[in-house]
PDB file of N, CA and C in Angstrom:
ATOM      1  N   MET A   1      17.891 148.013   4.008  1.00  0.00           N
ATOM      2  CA  MET A   1      17.778 146.760   3.034  1.00  0.00           C
ATOM      3  C   MET A   1      19.073 146.483   2.567  1.00  0.00           C
ATOM      4  N   ALA A   2      19.525 145.204   2.362  1.00  0.00           N
ATOM      5  CA  ALA A   2      20.793 144.615   2.057  1.00  0.00           C
ATOM      6  C   ALA A   2      20.886 144.771   0.459  1.00  0.00           C
ATOM      7  N   ILE A   3      22.129 144.889   0.201  1.00  0.00           N
ATOM      8  CA  ILE A   3      22.436 144.990  -1.368  1.00  0.00           C
ATOM      9  C   ILE A   3      22.080 143.694  -2.093  1.00  0.00           C
ATOM     10  N   SER A   4      21.087 143.722  -3.106  1.00  0.00           N
ATOM     11  CA  SER A   4      20.880 142.114  -3.684  1.00  0.00           C
ATOM     12  C   SER A   4      21.872 142.033  -4.873  1.00  0.00           C
ATOM     13  N   HIS A   5      22.181 140.833  -5.149  1.00  0.00           N
ATOM     14  CA  HIS A   5      23.057 140.160  -5.996  1.00  0.00           C
ATOM     15  C   HIS A   5      22.087 139.866  -7.067  1.00  0.00           C
ATOM     16  N   VAL A   6      22.092 140.319  -8.221  1.00  0.00           N
ATOM     17  CA  VAL A   6      21.168 139.887  -9.438  1.00  0.00           C
ATOM     18  C   VAL A   6      21.899 139.258 -10.577  1.00  0.00           C
ATOM     19  N   THR A   7      20.940 138.703 -11.496  1.00  0.00           N
ATOM     20  CA  THR A   7      21.563 137.881 -12.477  1.00  0.00           C
ATOM     21  C   THR A   7      20.950 138.389 -13.795  1.00  0.00           C
ATOM     22  N   ASP A   8      21.335 137.719 -14.799  1.00  0.00           N
ATOM     23  CA  ASP A   8      20.574 138.112 -16.256  1.00  0.00           C
ATOM     24  C   ASP A   8      19.067 137.875 -15.955  1.00  0.00           C
ATOM     25  N   GLN A   9      18.726 136.827 -15.323  1.00  0.00           N
ATOM     26  CA  GLN A   9      17.314 136.432 -15.227  1.00  0.00           C
ATOM     27  C   GLN A   9      16.419 137.432 -14.484  1.00  0.00           C
ATOM     28  N   THR A  10      17.106 137.821 -13.211  1.00  0.00           N
ATOM     29  CA  THR A  10      16.394 138.700 -12.304  1.00  0.00           C
ATOM     30  C   THR A  10      16.516 140.397 -12.565  1.00  0.00           C
ATOM     31  N   PHE A  11      17.521 140.493 -13.437  1.00  0.00           N
ATOM     32  CA  PHE A  11      17.869 142.207 -13.549  1.00  0.00           C
ATOM     33  C   PHE A  11      16.822 143.073 -13.669  1.00  0.00           C
ATOM     34  N   SER A  12      15.853 142.812 -14.868  1.00  0.00           N
ATOM     35  CA  SER A  12      14.962 143.587 -15.222  1.00  0.00           C
ATOM     36  C   SER A  12      13.791 143.762 -14.303  1.00  0.00           C
ATOM     37  N   ASP A  13      13.560 142.781 -13.455  1.00  0.00           N
ATOM     38  CA  ASP A  13      12.650 142.730 -12.402  1.00  0.00           C
ATOM     39  C   ASP A  13      13.008 143.672 -11.269  1.00  0.00           C
ATOM     40  N   GLU A  14      14.281 143.547 -11.055  1.00  0.00           N
ATOM     41  CA  GLU A  14      14.880 144.082  -9.621  1.00  0.00           C
ATOM     42  C   GLU A  14      14.990 145.715  -9.978  1.00  0.00           C
ATOM     43  N   THR A  15      15.247 146.076 -11.388  1.00  0.00           N
ATOM     44  CA  THR A  15      15.605 147.283 -11.795  1.00  0.00           C
ATOM     45  C   THR A  15      14.228 148.142 -12.287  1.00  0.00           C
ATOM     46  N   SER A  16      13.069 147.574 -12.346  1.00  0.00           N
ATOM     47  CA  SER A  16      11.859 148.274 -12.900  1.00  0.00           C
ATOM     48  C   SER A  16      11.186 149.212 -12.105  1.00  0.00           C
ATOM     49  N   ASN A  17      11.422 149.347 -10.758  1.00  0.00           N
ATOM     50  CA  ASN A  17      10.497 150.145  -9.827  1.00  0.00           C
ATOM     51  C   ASN A  17      11.390 150.946  -9.025  1.00  0.00           C
ATOM     52  N   GLY A  18      11.029 152.224  -9.081  1.00  0.00           N
ATOM     53  CA  GLY A  18      11.675 153.371  -8.561  1.00  0.00           C
ATOM     54  C   GLY A  18      13.067 153.390  -8.689  1.00  0.00           C
ATOM     55  N   LEU A  19      14.078 153.964  -7.668  1.00  0.00           N
ATOM     56  CA  LEU A  19      15.188 154.525  -8.063  1.00  0.00           C
ATOM     57  C   LEU A  19      16.474 153.316  -7.531  1.00  0.00           C
ATOM     58  N   VAL A  20      17.145 152.769  -8.595  1.00  0.00           N
ATOM     59  CA  VAL A  20      17.998 151.410  -8.455  1.00  0.00           C
ATOM     60  C   VAL A  20      19.282 151.826  -8.921  1.00  0.00           C
ATOM     61  N   LEU A  21      20.463 151.691  -8.020  1.00  0.00           N
ATOM     62  CA  LEU A  21      21.629 151.790  -8.368  1.00  0.00           C
ATOM     63  C   LEU A  21      22.282 150.325  -8.719  1.00  0.00           C
ATOM     64  N   ALA A  22      22.720 150.123  -9.869  1.00  0.00           N
ATOM     65  CA  ALA A  22      23.091 148.824 -10.464  1.00  0.00           C
ATOM     66  C   ALA A  22      24.781 148.927 -10.662  1.00  0.00           C
ATOM     67  N   ASP A  23      25.249 148.238  -9.761  1.00  0.00           N
ATOM     68  CA  ASP A  23      26.943 148.207  -9.874  1.00  0.00           C
ATOM     69  C   ASP A  23      27.065 147.027 -10.770  1.00  0.00           C
ATOM     70  N   PHE A  24      27.843 147.160 -11.900  1.00  0.00           N
ATOM     71  CA  PHE A  24      28.500 146.058 -12.741  1.00  0.00           C
ATOM     72  C   PHE A  24      29.861 145.873 -12.335  1.00  0.00           C
ATOM     73  N   TRP A  25      30.076 144.541 -11.875  1.00  0.00           N
ATOM     74  CA  TRP A  25      31.654 144.282 -11.160  1.00  0.00           C
ATOM     75  C   TRP A  25      32.123 143.155 -11.457  1.00  0.00           C
ATOM     76  N   ALA A  26      33.263 142.647 -10.992  1.00  0.00           N
ATOM     77  CA  ALA A  26      33.714 141.417 -11.143  1.00  0.00           C
ATOM     78  C   ALA A  26      34.584 140.977  -9.906  1.00  0.00           C
ATOM     79  N   THR A  27      34.908 139.868  -9.636  1.00  0.00           N
ATOM     80  CA  THR A  27      35.665 139.495  -8.471  1.00  0.00           C
ATOM     81  C   THR A  27      37.040 139.583  -8.559  1.00  0.00           C
ATOM     82  N   TRP A  28      37.730 139.793  -9.695  1.00  0.00           N
ATOM     83  CA  TRP A  28      39.269 140.032 -10.048  1.00  0.00           C
ATOM     84  C   TRP A  28      39.250 141.658 -10.109  1.00  0.00           C
ATOM     85  N   CYS A  29      38.157 142.448 -10.213  1.00  0.00           N
ATOM     86  CA  CYS A  29      38.679 143.780 -10.322  1.00  0.00           C
ATOM     87  C   CYS A  29      38.641 144.595  -8.945  1.00  0.00           C
ATOM     88  N   GLY A  30      40.016 145.321  -9.035  1.00  0.00           N
ATOM     89  CA  GLY A  30      40.442 145.852  -7.849  1.00  0.00           C
ATOM     90  C   GLY A  30      39.551 147.125  -7.431  1.00  0.00           C
ATOM     91  N   PRO A  31      39.287 147.991  -8.601  1.00  0.00           N
ATOM     92  CA  PRO A  31      38.454 149.233  -8.063  1.00  0.00           C
ATOM     93  C   PRO A  31      36.827 148.626  -7.549  1.00  0.00           C
ATOM     94  N   CYS A  32      36.433 147.546  -8.236  1.00  0.00           N
ATOM     95  CA  CYS A  32      35.295 147.041  -7.841  1.00  0.00           C
ATOM     96  C   CYS A  32      35.214 146.692  -6.155  1.00  0.00           C
ATOM     97  N   LYS A  33      36.389 145.955  -5.697  1.00  0.00           N
ATOM     98  CA  LYS A  33      36.580 145.779  -4.460  1.00  0.00           C
ATOM     99  C   LYS A  33      36.567 146.991  -3.451  1.00  0.00           C
ATOM    100  N   MET A  34      37.342 148.120  -3.979  1.00  0.00           N
ATOM    101  CA  MET A  34      37.369 149.372  -3.372  1.00  0.00           C
ATOM    102  C   MET A  34      36.114 150.059  -3.160  1.00  0.00           C
ATOM    103  N   ILE A  35      35.205 149.789  -4.229  1.00  0.00           N
ATOM    104  CA  ILE A  35      33.734 150.571  -4.253  1.00  0.00           C
ATOM    105  C   ILE A  35      32.860 149.728  -3.423  1.00  0.00           C
ATOM    106  N   ALA A  36      33.133 148.494  -3.126  1.00  0.00           N
ATOM    107  CA  ALA A  36      32.002 147.745  -2.511  1.00  0.00           C
ATOM    108  C   ALA A  36      31.568 148.285  -0.899  1.00  0.00           C
ATOM    109  N   PRO A  37      32.829 148.652  -0.081  1.00  0.00           N
ATOM    110  CA  PRO A  37      32.447 149.194   1.286  1.00  0.00           C
ATOM    111  C   PRO A  37      31.678 150.416   1.039  1.00  0.00           C
ATOM    112  N   VAL A  38      31.762 151.377   0.101  1.00  0.00           N
ATOM    113  CA  VAL A  38      31.325 152.538  -0.193  1.00  0.00           C
ATOM    114  C   VAL A  38      29.854 152.218  -0.476  1.00  0.00           C
ATOM    115  N   LEU A  39      29.510 151.511  -1.358  1.00  0.00           N
ATOM    116  CA  LEU A  39      28.304 150.933  -1.583  1.00  0.00           C
ATOM    117  C   LEU A  39      27.347 150.301  -0.498  1.00  0.00           C
ATOM    118  N   GLU A  40      28.018 149.684   0.442  1.00  0.00           N
ATOM    119  CA  GLU A  40      27.580 149.334   1.576  1.00  0.00           C
ATOM    120  C   GLU A  40      26.783 150.433   2.563  1.00  0.00           C
ATOM    121  N   GLU A  41      27.956 151.298   2.760  1.00  0.00           N
ATOM    122  CA  GLU A  41      27.645 152.612   3.457  1.00  0.00           C
ATOM    123  C   GLU A  41      26.320 153.355   2.922  1.00  0.00           C
ATOM    124  N   LEU A  42      26.306 153.597   1.695  1.00  0.00           N
ATOM    125  CA  LEU A  42      25.286 154.178   1.003  1.00  0.00           C
ATOM    126  C   LEU A  42      23.964 153.557   1.221  1.00  0.00           C
ATOM    127  N   ASP A  43      24.159 152.123   1.120  1.00  0.00           N
ATOM    128  CA  ASP A  43      22.866 151.312   1.203  1.00  0.00           C
ATOM    129  C   ASP A  43      22.385 151.591   2.661  1.00  0.00           C
ATOM    130  N   ALA A  44      23.105 151.639   3.824  1.00  0.00           N
ATOM    131  CA  ALA A  44      22.786 151.783   5.164  1.00  0.00           C
ATOM    132  C   ALA A  44      22.301 153.166   5.277  1.00  0.00           C
ATOM    133  N   GLU A  45      22.760 154.117   4.543  1.00  0.00           N
ATOM    134  CA  GLU A  45      22.235 155.655   4.708  1.00  0.00           C
ATOM    135  C   GLU A  45      21.116 156.056   3.821  1.00  0.00           C
ATOM    136  N   MET A  46      21.051 155.536   2.471  1.00  0.00           N
ATOM    137  CA  MET A  46      20.099 155.829   1.786  1.00  0.00           C
ATOM    138  C   MET A  46      19.208 154.920   1.205  1.00  0.00           C
ATOM    139  N   SER A  47      18.978 153.870   1.845  1.00  0.00           N
ATOM    140  CA  SER A  47      18.201 152.959   1.562  1.00  0.00           C
ATOM    141  C   SER A  47      16.672 153.473   1.313  1.00  0.00           C
ATOM    142  N   ASP A  48      16.188 154.423   1.918  1.00  0.00           N
ATOM    143  CA  ASP A  48      14.896 155.095   1.839  1.00  0.00           C
ATOM    144  C   ASP A  48      14.728 155.776   0.381  1.00  0.00           C
ATOM    145  N   LYS A  49      15.825 156.035  -0.449  1.00  0.00           N
ATOM    146  CA  LYS A  49      15.967 156.626  -1.510  1.00  0.00           C
ATOM    147  C   LYS A  49      16.163 155.742  -2.744  1.00  0.00           C
ATOM    148  N   VAL A  50      17.076 154.754  -2.461  1.00  0.00           N
ATOM    149  CA  VAL A  50      17.496 153.927  -3.741  1.00  0.00           C
ATOM    150  C   VAL A  50      17.779 152.751  -3.198  1.00  0.00           C
ATOM    151  N   LYS A  51      17.424 151.681  -3.972  1.00  0.00           N
ATOM    152  CA  LYS A  51      17.875 150.350  -4.101  1.00  0.00           C
ATOM    153  C   LYS A  51      19.400 149.983  -4.670  1.00  0.00           C
ATOM    154  N   ILE A  52      20.228 149.156  -4.051  1.00  0.00           N
ATOM    155  CA  ILE A  52      21.340 148.999  -4.699  1.00  0.00           C
ATOM    156  C   ILE A  52      21.476 147.562  -5.140  1.00  0.00           C
ATOM    157  N   VAL A  53      21.852 147.070  -6.246  1.00  0.00           N
ATOM    158  CA  VAL A  53      21.768 145.811  -6.880  1.00  0.00           C
ATOM    159  C   VAL A  53      23.269 145.746  -7.473  1.00  0.00           C
ATOM    160  N   LYS A  54      24.009 144.450  -7.331  1.00  0.00           N
ATOM    161  CA  LYS A  54      25.324 144.306  -7.827  1.00  0.00           C
ATOM    162  C   LYS A  54      25.046 143.056  -8.779  1.00  0.00           C
ATOM    163  N   LEU A  55      25.741 143.286  -9.986  1.00  0.00           N
ATOM    164  CA  LEU A  55      25.582 142.355 -11.068  1.00  0.00           C
ATOM    165  C   LEU A  55      26.945 141.843 -11.450  1.00  0.00           C
ATOM    166  N   ASP A  56      27.529 140.450 -11.608  1.00  0.00           N
ATOM    167  CA  ASP A  56      28.686 140.166 -11.540  1.00  0.00           C
ATOM    168  C   ASP A  56      28.786 139.913 -13.115  1.00  0.00           C
ATOM    169  N   VAL A  57      29.670 140.705 -13.812  1.00  0.00           N
ATOM    170  CA  VAL A  57      29.764 140.745 -15.432  1.00  0.00           C
ATOM    171  C   VAL A  57      30.074 139.361 -15.872  1.00  0.00           C
ATOM    172  N   ASP A  58      30.954 138.618 -15.089  1.00  0.00           N
ATOM    173  CA  ASP A  58      31.815 137.665 -15.735  1.00  0.00           C
ATOM    174  C   ASP A  58      30.401 136.450 -15.826  1.00  0.00           C
ATOM    175  N   GLU A  59      29.683 136.481 -14.930  1.00  0.00           N
ATOM    176  CA  GLU A  59      28.380 135.457 -14.950  1.00  0.00           C
ATOM    177  C   GLU A  59      27.215 135.780 -15.591  1.00  0.00           C
ATOM    178  N   ASN A  60      27.229 137.086 -15.907  1.00  0.00           N
ATOM    179  CA  ASN A  60      25.848 137.630 -16.541  1.00  0.00           C
ATOM    180  C   ASN A  60      26.172 138.559 -17.732  1.00  0.00           C
ATOM    181  N   GLN A  61      26.900 138.042 -18.595  1.00  0.00           N
ATOM    182  CA  GLN A  61      27.321 138.823 -19.808  1.00  0.00           C
ATOM    183  C   GLN A  61      26.343 139.277 -20.783  1.00  0.00           C
ATOM    184  N   GLU A  62      25.250 138.747 -20.660  1.00  0.00           N
ATOM    185  CA  GLU A  62      23.910 139.087 -21.662  1.00  0.00           C
ATOM    186  C   GLU A  62      23.746 140.494 -20.966  1.00  0.00           C
ATOM    187  N   THR A  63      23.309 140.561 -19.873  1.00  0.00           N
ATOM    188  CA  THR A  63      22.904 142.054 -19.247  1.00  0.00           C
ATOM    189  C   THR A  63      24.051 143.199 -19.391  1.00  0.00           C
ATOM    190  N   ALA A  64      25.359 142.759 -19.259  1.00  0.00           N
ATOM    191  CA  ALA A  64      26.538 143.845 -19.391  1.00  0.00           C
ATOM    192  C   ALA A  64      26.518 144.119 -20.844  1.00  0.00           C
ATOM    193  N   GLY A  65      26.043 143.240 -21.748  1.00  0.00           N
ATOM    194  CA  GLY A  65      26.324 143.548 -22.918  1.00  0.00           C
ATOM    195  C   GLY A  65      25.314 144.479 -23.332  1.00  0.00           C
ATOM    196  N   LYS A  66      24.054 144.167 -23.332  1.00  0.00           N
ATOM    197  CA  LYS A  66      22.728 145.023 -23.270  1.00  0.00           C
ATOM    198  C   LYS A  66      22.987 146.492 -22.887  1.00  0.00           C
ATOM    199  N   PHE A  67      23.709 146.863 -21.889  1.00  0.00           N
ATOM    200  CA  PHE A  67      23.941 148.116 -21.488  1.00  0.00           C
ATOM    201  C   PHE A  67      25.235 148.762 -21.960  1.00  0.00           C
ATOM    202  N   GLY A  68      26.083 148.089 -22.782  1.00  0.00           N
ATOM    203  CA  GLY A  68      27.156 148.326 -23.167  1.00  0.00           C
ATOM    204  C   GLY A  68      28.297 148.806 -22.228  1.00  0.00           C
ATOM    205  N   VAL A  69      28.295 147.708 -21.141  1.00  0.00           N
ATOM    206  CA  VAL A  69      29.457 147.906 -20.036  1.00  0.00           C
ATOM    207  C   VAL A  69      30.616 147.380 -20.478  1.00  0.00           C
ATOM    208  N   MET A  70      31.485 148.256 -20.941  1.00  0.00           N
ATOM    209  CA  MET A  70      32.996 147.827 -21.398  1.00  0.00           C
ATOM    210  C   MET A  70      34.100 147.923 -20.386  1.00  0.00           C
ATOM    211  N   SER A  71      33.856 148.874 -19.375  1.00  0.00           N
ATOM    212  CA  SER A  71      34.867 148.755 -18.295  1.00  0.00           C
ATOM    213  C   SER A  71      34.051 148.692 -16.777  1.00  0.00           C
ATOM    214  N   ILE A  72      34.800 148.226 -15.780  1.00  0.00           N
ATOM    215  CA  ILE A  72      33.941 148.187 -14.442  1.00  0.00           C
ATOM    216  C   ILE A  72      35.018 148.869 -13.272  1.00  0.00           C
ATOM    217  N   PRO A  73      34.462 149.300 -12.328  1.00  0.00           N
ATOM    218  CA  PRO A  73      32.945 149.028 -12.130  1.00  0.00           C
ATOM    219  C   PRO A  73      32.262 150.253 -12.935  1.00  0.00           C
ATOM    220  N   THR A  74      31.108 149.720 -13.330  1.00  0.00           N
ATOM    221  CA  THR A  74      30.254 150.816 -14.013  1.00  0.00           C
ATOM    222  C   THR A  74      29.043 150.729 -13.203  1.00  0.00           C
ATOM    223  N   LEU A  75      28.477 151.729 -13.112  1.00  0.00           N
ATOM    224  CA  LEU A  75      27.357 152.188 -12.027  1.00  0.00           C
ATOM    225  C   LEU A  75      26.331 152.793 -12.849  1.00  0.00           C
ATOM    226  N   LEU A  76      25.242 152.084 -12.993  1.00  0.00           N
ATOM    227  CA  LEU A  76      23.994 152.422 -13.708  1.00  0.00           C
ATOM    228  C   LEU A  76      22.855 152.969 -12.718  1.00  0.00           C
ATOM    229  N   LEU A  77      22.208 154.190 -12.942  1.00  0.00           N
ATOM    230  CA  LEU A  77      21.418 154.684 -12.228  1.00  0.00           C
ATOM    231  C   LEU A  77      19.920 154.396 -12.937  1.00  0.00           C
ATOM    232  N   PHE A  78      19.116 153.574 -12.377  1.00  0.00           N
ATOM    233  CA  PHE A  78      17.885 153.363 -13.192  1.00  0.00           C
ATOM    234  C   PHE A  78      16.663 154.019 -12.508  1.00  0.00           C
ATOM    235  N   LYS A  79      15.595 154.818 -13.194  1.00  0.00           N
ATOM    236  CA  LYS A  79      14.493 155.247 -12.427  1.00  0.00           C
ATOM    237  C   LYS A  79      13.287 154.549 -13.208  1.00  0.00           C
ATOM    238  N   ASP A  80      12.720 153.668 -12.472  1.00  0.00           N
ATOM    239  CA  ASP A  80      11.483 152.834 -12.976  1.00  0.00           C
ATOM    240  C   ASP A  80      11.765 152.243 -14.273  1.00  0.00           C
ATOM    241  N   GLY A  81      13.036 151.551 -14.361  1.00  0.00           N
ATOM    242  CA  GLY A  81      13.408 150.730 -15.442  1.00  0.00           C
ATOM    243  C   GLY A  81      14.265 151.533 -16.400  1.00  0.00           C
ATOM    244  N   GLU A  82      14.192 152.865 -16.519  1.00  0.00           N
ATOM    245  CA  GLU A  82      15.194 153.399 -17.527  1.00  0.00           C
ATOM    246  C   GLU A  82      16.409 154.015 -16.906  1.00  0.00           C
ATOM    247  N   VAL A  83      17.498 153.862 -17.719  1.00  0.00           N
ATOM    248  CA  VAL A  83      18.666 154.403 -17.249  1.00  0.00           C
ATOM    249  C   VAL A  83      18.749 155.920 -17.275  1.00  0.00           C
ATOM    250  N   VAL A  84      19.100 156.443 -16.172  1.00  0.00           N
ATOM    251  CA  VAL A  84      19.005 158.025 -15.967  1.00  0.00           C
ATOM    252  C   VAL A  84      20.485 158.437 -15.900  1.00  0.00           C
ATOM    253  N   ASP A  85      21.299 157.680 -15.511  1.00  0.00           N
ATOM    254  CA  ASP A  85      22.587 158.177 -15.210  1.00  0.00           C
ATOM    255  C   ASP A  85      23.779 157.196 -15.113  1.00  0.00           C
ATOM    256  N   LYS A  86      25.114 157.629 -15.390  1.00  0.00           N
ATOM    257  CA  LYS A  86      26.012 156.370 -15.422  1.00  0.00           C
ATOM    258  C   LYS A  86      27.355 157.130 -14.903  1.00  0.00           C
ATOM    259  N   ALA A  87      27.986 156.067 -14.110  1.00  0.00           N
ATOM    260  CA  ALA A  87      29.506 156.486 -13.607  1.00  0.00           C
ATOM    261  C   ALA A  87      30.289 155.585 -14.013  1.00  0.00           C
ATOM    262  N   VAL A  88      31.622 155.557 -14.169  1.00  0.00           N
ATOM    263  CA  VAL A  88      32.218 154.676 -14.512  1.00  0.00           C
ATOM    264  C   VAL A  88      33.710 154.730 -13.550  1.00  0.00           C
ATOM    265  N   GLY A  89      34.142 153.554 -13.021  1.00  0.00           N
ATOM    266  CA  GLY A  89      35.290 153.634 -12.329  1.00  0.00           C
ATOM    267  C   GLY A  89      34.957 153.866 -10.857  1.00  0.00           C
ATOM    268  N   TYR A  90      35.884 153.800 -10.189  1.00  0.00           N
ATOM    269  CA  TYR A  90      35.738 154.071  -8.349  1.00  0.00           C
ATOM    270  C   TYR A  90      35.148 155.488  -8.392  1.00  0.00           C
ATOM    271  N   GLN A  91      34.293 155.709  -7.328  1.00  0.00           N
ATOM    272  CA  GLN A  91      33.891 157.026  -7.057  1.00  0.00           C
ATOM    273  C   GLN A  91      33.863 157.100  -5.541  1.00  0.00           C
ATOM    274  N   PRO A  92      34.353 158.062  -4.901  1.00  0.00           N
ATOM    275  CA  PRO A  92      34.056 158.447  -3.588  1.00  0.00           C
ATOM    276  C   PRO A  92      32.452 158.666  -2.880  1.00  0.00           C
ATOM    277  N   LYS A  93      32.435 158.334  -1.860  1.00  0.00           N
ATOM    278  CA  LYS A  93      31.003 158.186  -1.327  1.00  0.00           C
ATOM    279  C   LYS A  93      30.329 159.435  -1.533  1.00  0.00           C
ATOM    280  N   GLU A  94      30.962 160.605  -1.194  1.00  0.00           N
ATOM    281  CA  GLU A  94      30.277 161.910  -1.229  1.00  0.00           C
ATOM    282  C   GLU A  94      29.849 162.159  -2.851  1.00  0.00           C
ATOM    283  N   ALA A  95      30.465 161.579  -3.843  1.00  0.00           N
ATOM    284  CA  ALA A  95      29.883 161.649  -5.076  1.00  0.00           C
ATOM    285  C   ALA A  95      29.010 160.912  -5.751  1.00  0.00           C
ATOM    286  N   LEU A  96      29.125 159.638  -5.027  1.00  0.00           N
ATOM    287  CA  LEU A  96      27.924 158.797  -5.288  1.00  0.00           C
ATOM    288  C   LEU A  96      26.590 159.247  -4.511  1.00  0.00           C
ATOM    289  N   ALA A  97      26.744 159.719  -3.429  1.00  0.00           N
ATOM    290  CA  ALA A  97      25.441 160.291  -2.692  1.00  0.00           C
ATOM    291  C   ALA A  97      25.125 161.590  -3.585  1.00  0.00           C
ATOM    292  N   GLU A  98      25.598 162.294  -4.002  1.00  0.00           N
ATOM    293  CA  GLU A  98      25.153 163.240  -5.052  1.00  0.00           C
ATOM    294  C   GLU A  98      24.696 162.909  -6.223  1.00  0.00           C
ATOM    295  N   PHE A  99      25.301 161.792  -6.871  1.00  0.00           N
ATOM    296  CA  PHE A  99      24.805 161.344  -8.008  1.00  0.00           C
ATOM    297  C   PHE A  99      23.485 160.604  -7.811  1.00  0.00           C
ATOM    298  N   ILE A 100      23.206 160.171  -6.758  1.00  0.00           N
ATOM    299  CA  ILE A 100      21.863 159.258  -6.325  1.00  0.00           C
ATOM    300  C   ILE A 100      20.908 160.423  -6.130  1.00  0.00           C
ATOM    301  N   SER A 101      21.250 161.426  -5.133  1.00  0.00           N
ATOM    302  CA  SER A 101      20.453 162.524  -4.984  1.00  0.00           C
ATOM    303  C   SER A 101      19.887 163.511  -6.237  1.00  0.00           C
ATOM    304  N   LYS A 102      20.633 163.496  -7.081  1.00  0.00           N
ATOM    305  CA  LYS A 102      20.210 164.326  -8.206  1.00  0.00           C
ATOM    306  C   LYS A 102      19.041 163.769  -8.782  1.00  0.00           C
ATOM    307  N   HIS A 103      18.556 162.367  -8.647  1.00  0.00           N
ATOM    308  CA  HIS A 103      17.461 162.016  -9.351  1.00  0.00           C
ATOM    309  C   HIS A 103      16.482 161.501  -8.357  1.00  0.00           C
ATOM    310  N   ALA A 104      16.765 161.707  -6.780  1.00  0.00           N
ATOM    311  CA  ALA A 104      15.842 160.978  -5.954  1.00  0.00           C
ATOM    312  C   ALA A 104      14.681 161.835  -5.802  1.00  0.00           C
TER     313      ALA A 104
END
């Protein structure tokens, strides 16, 4: 399953079912660019456990504000629409895999 780009309008629909990792990012953010290929690899390896979505905070400030995202990248893990975990900043693949597996 490919990583979906979501908006303020589609965010709640996309995160309401199952385990979803939401990446709050921006085009100008260096660590966001570093974490993107890590998320692609995780998507390829863990798509049976988790869906990954990306939200550009510059274009979708309402959702970023709703979840109190102050610095990026912020990764929020949702289970059936509820936030169950949060990570801020660049994370190596192993740490993210463990982060997801705790709730899978």
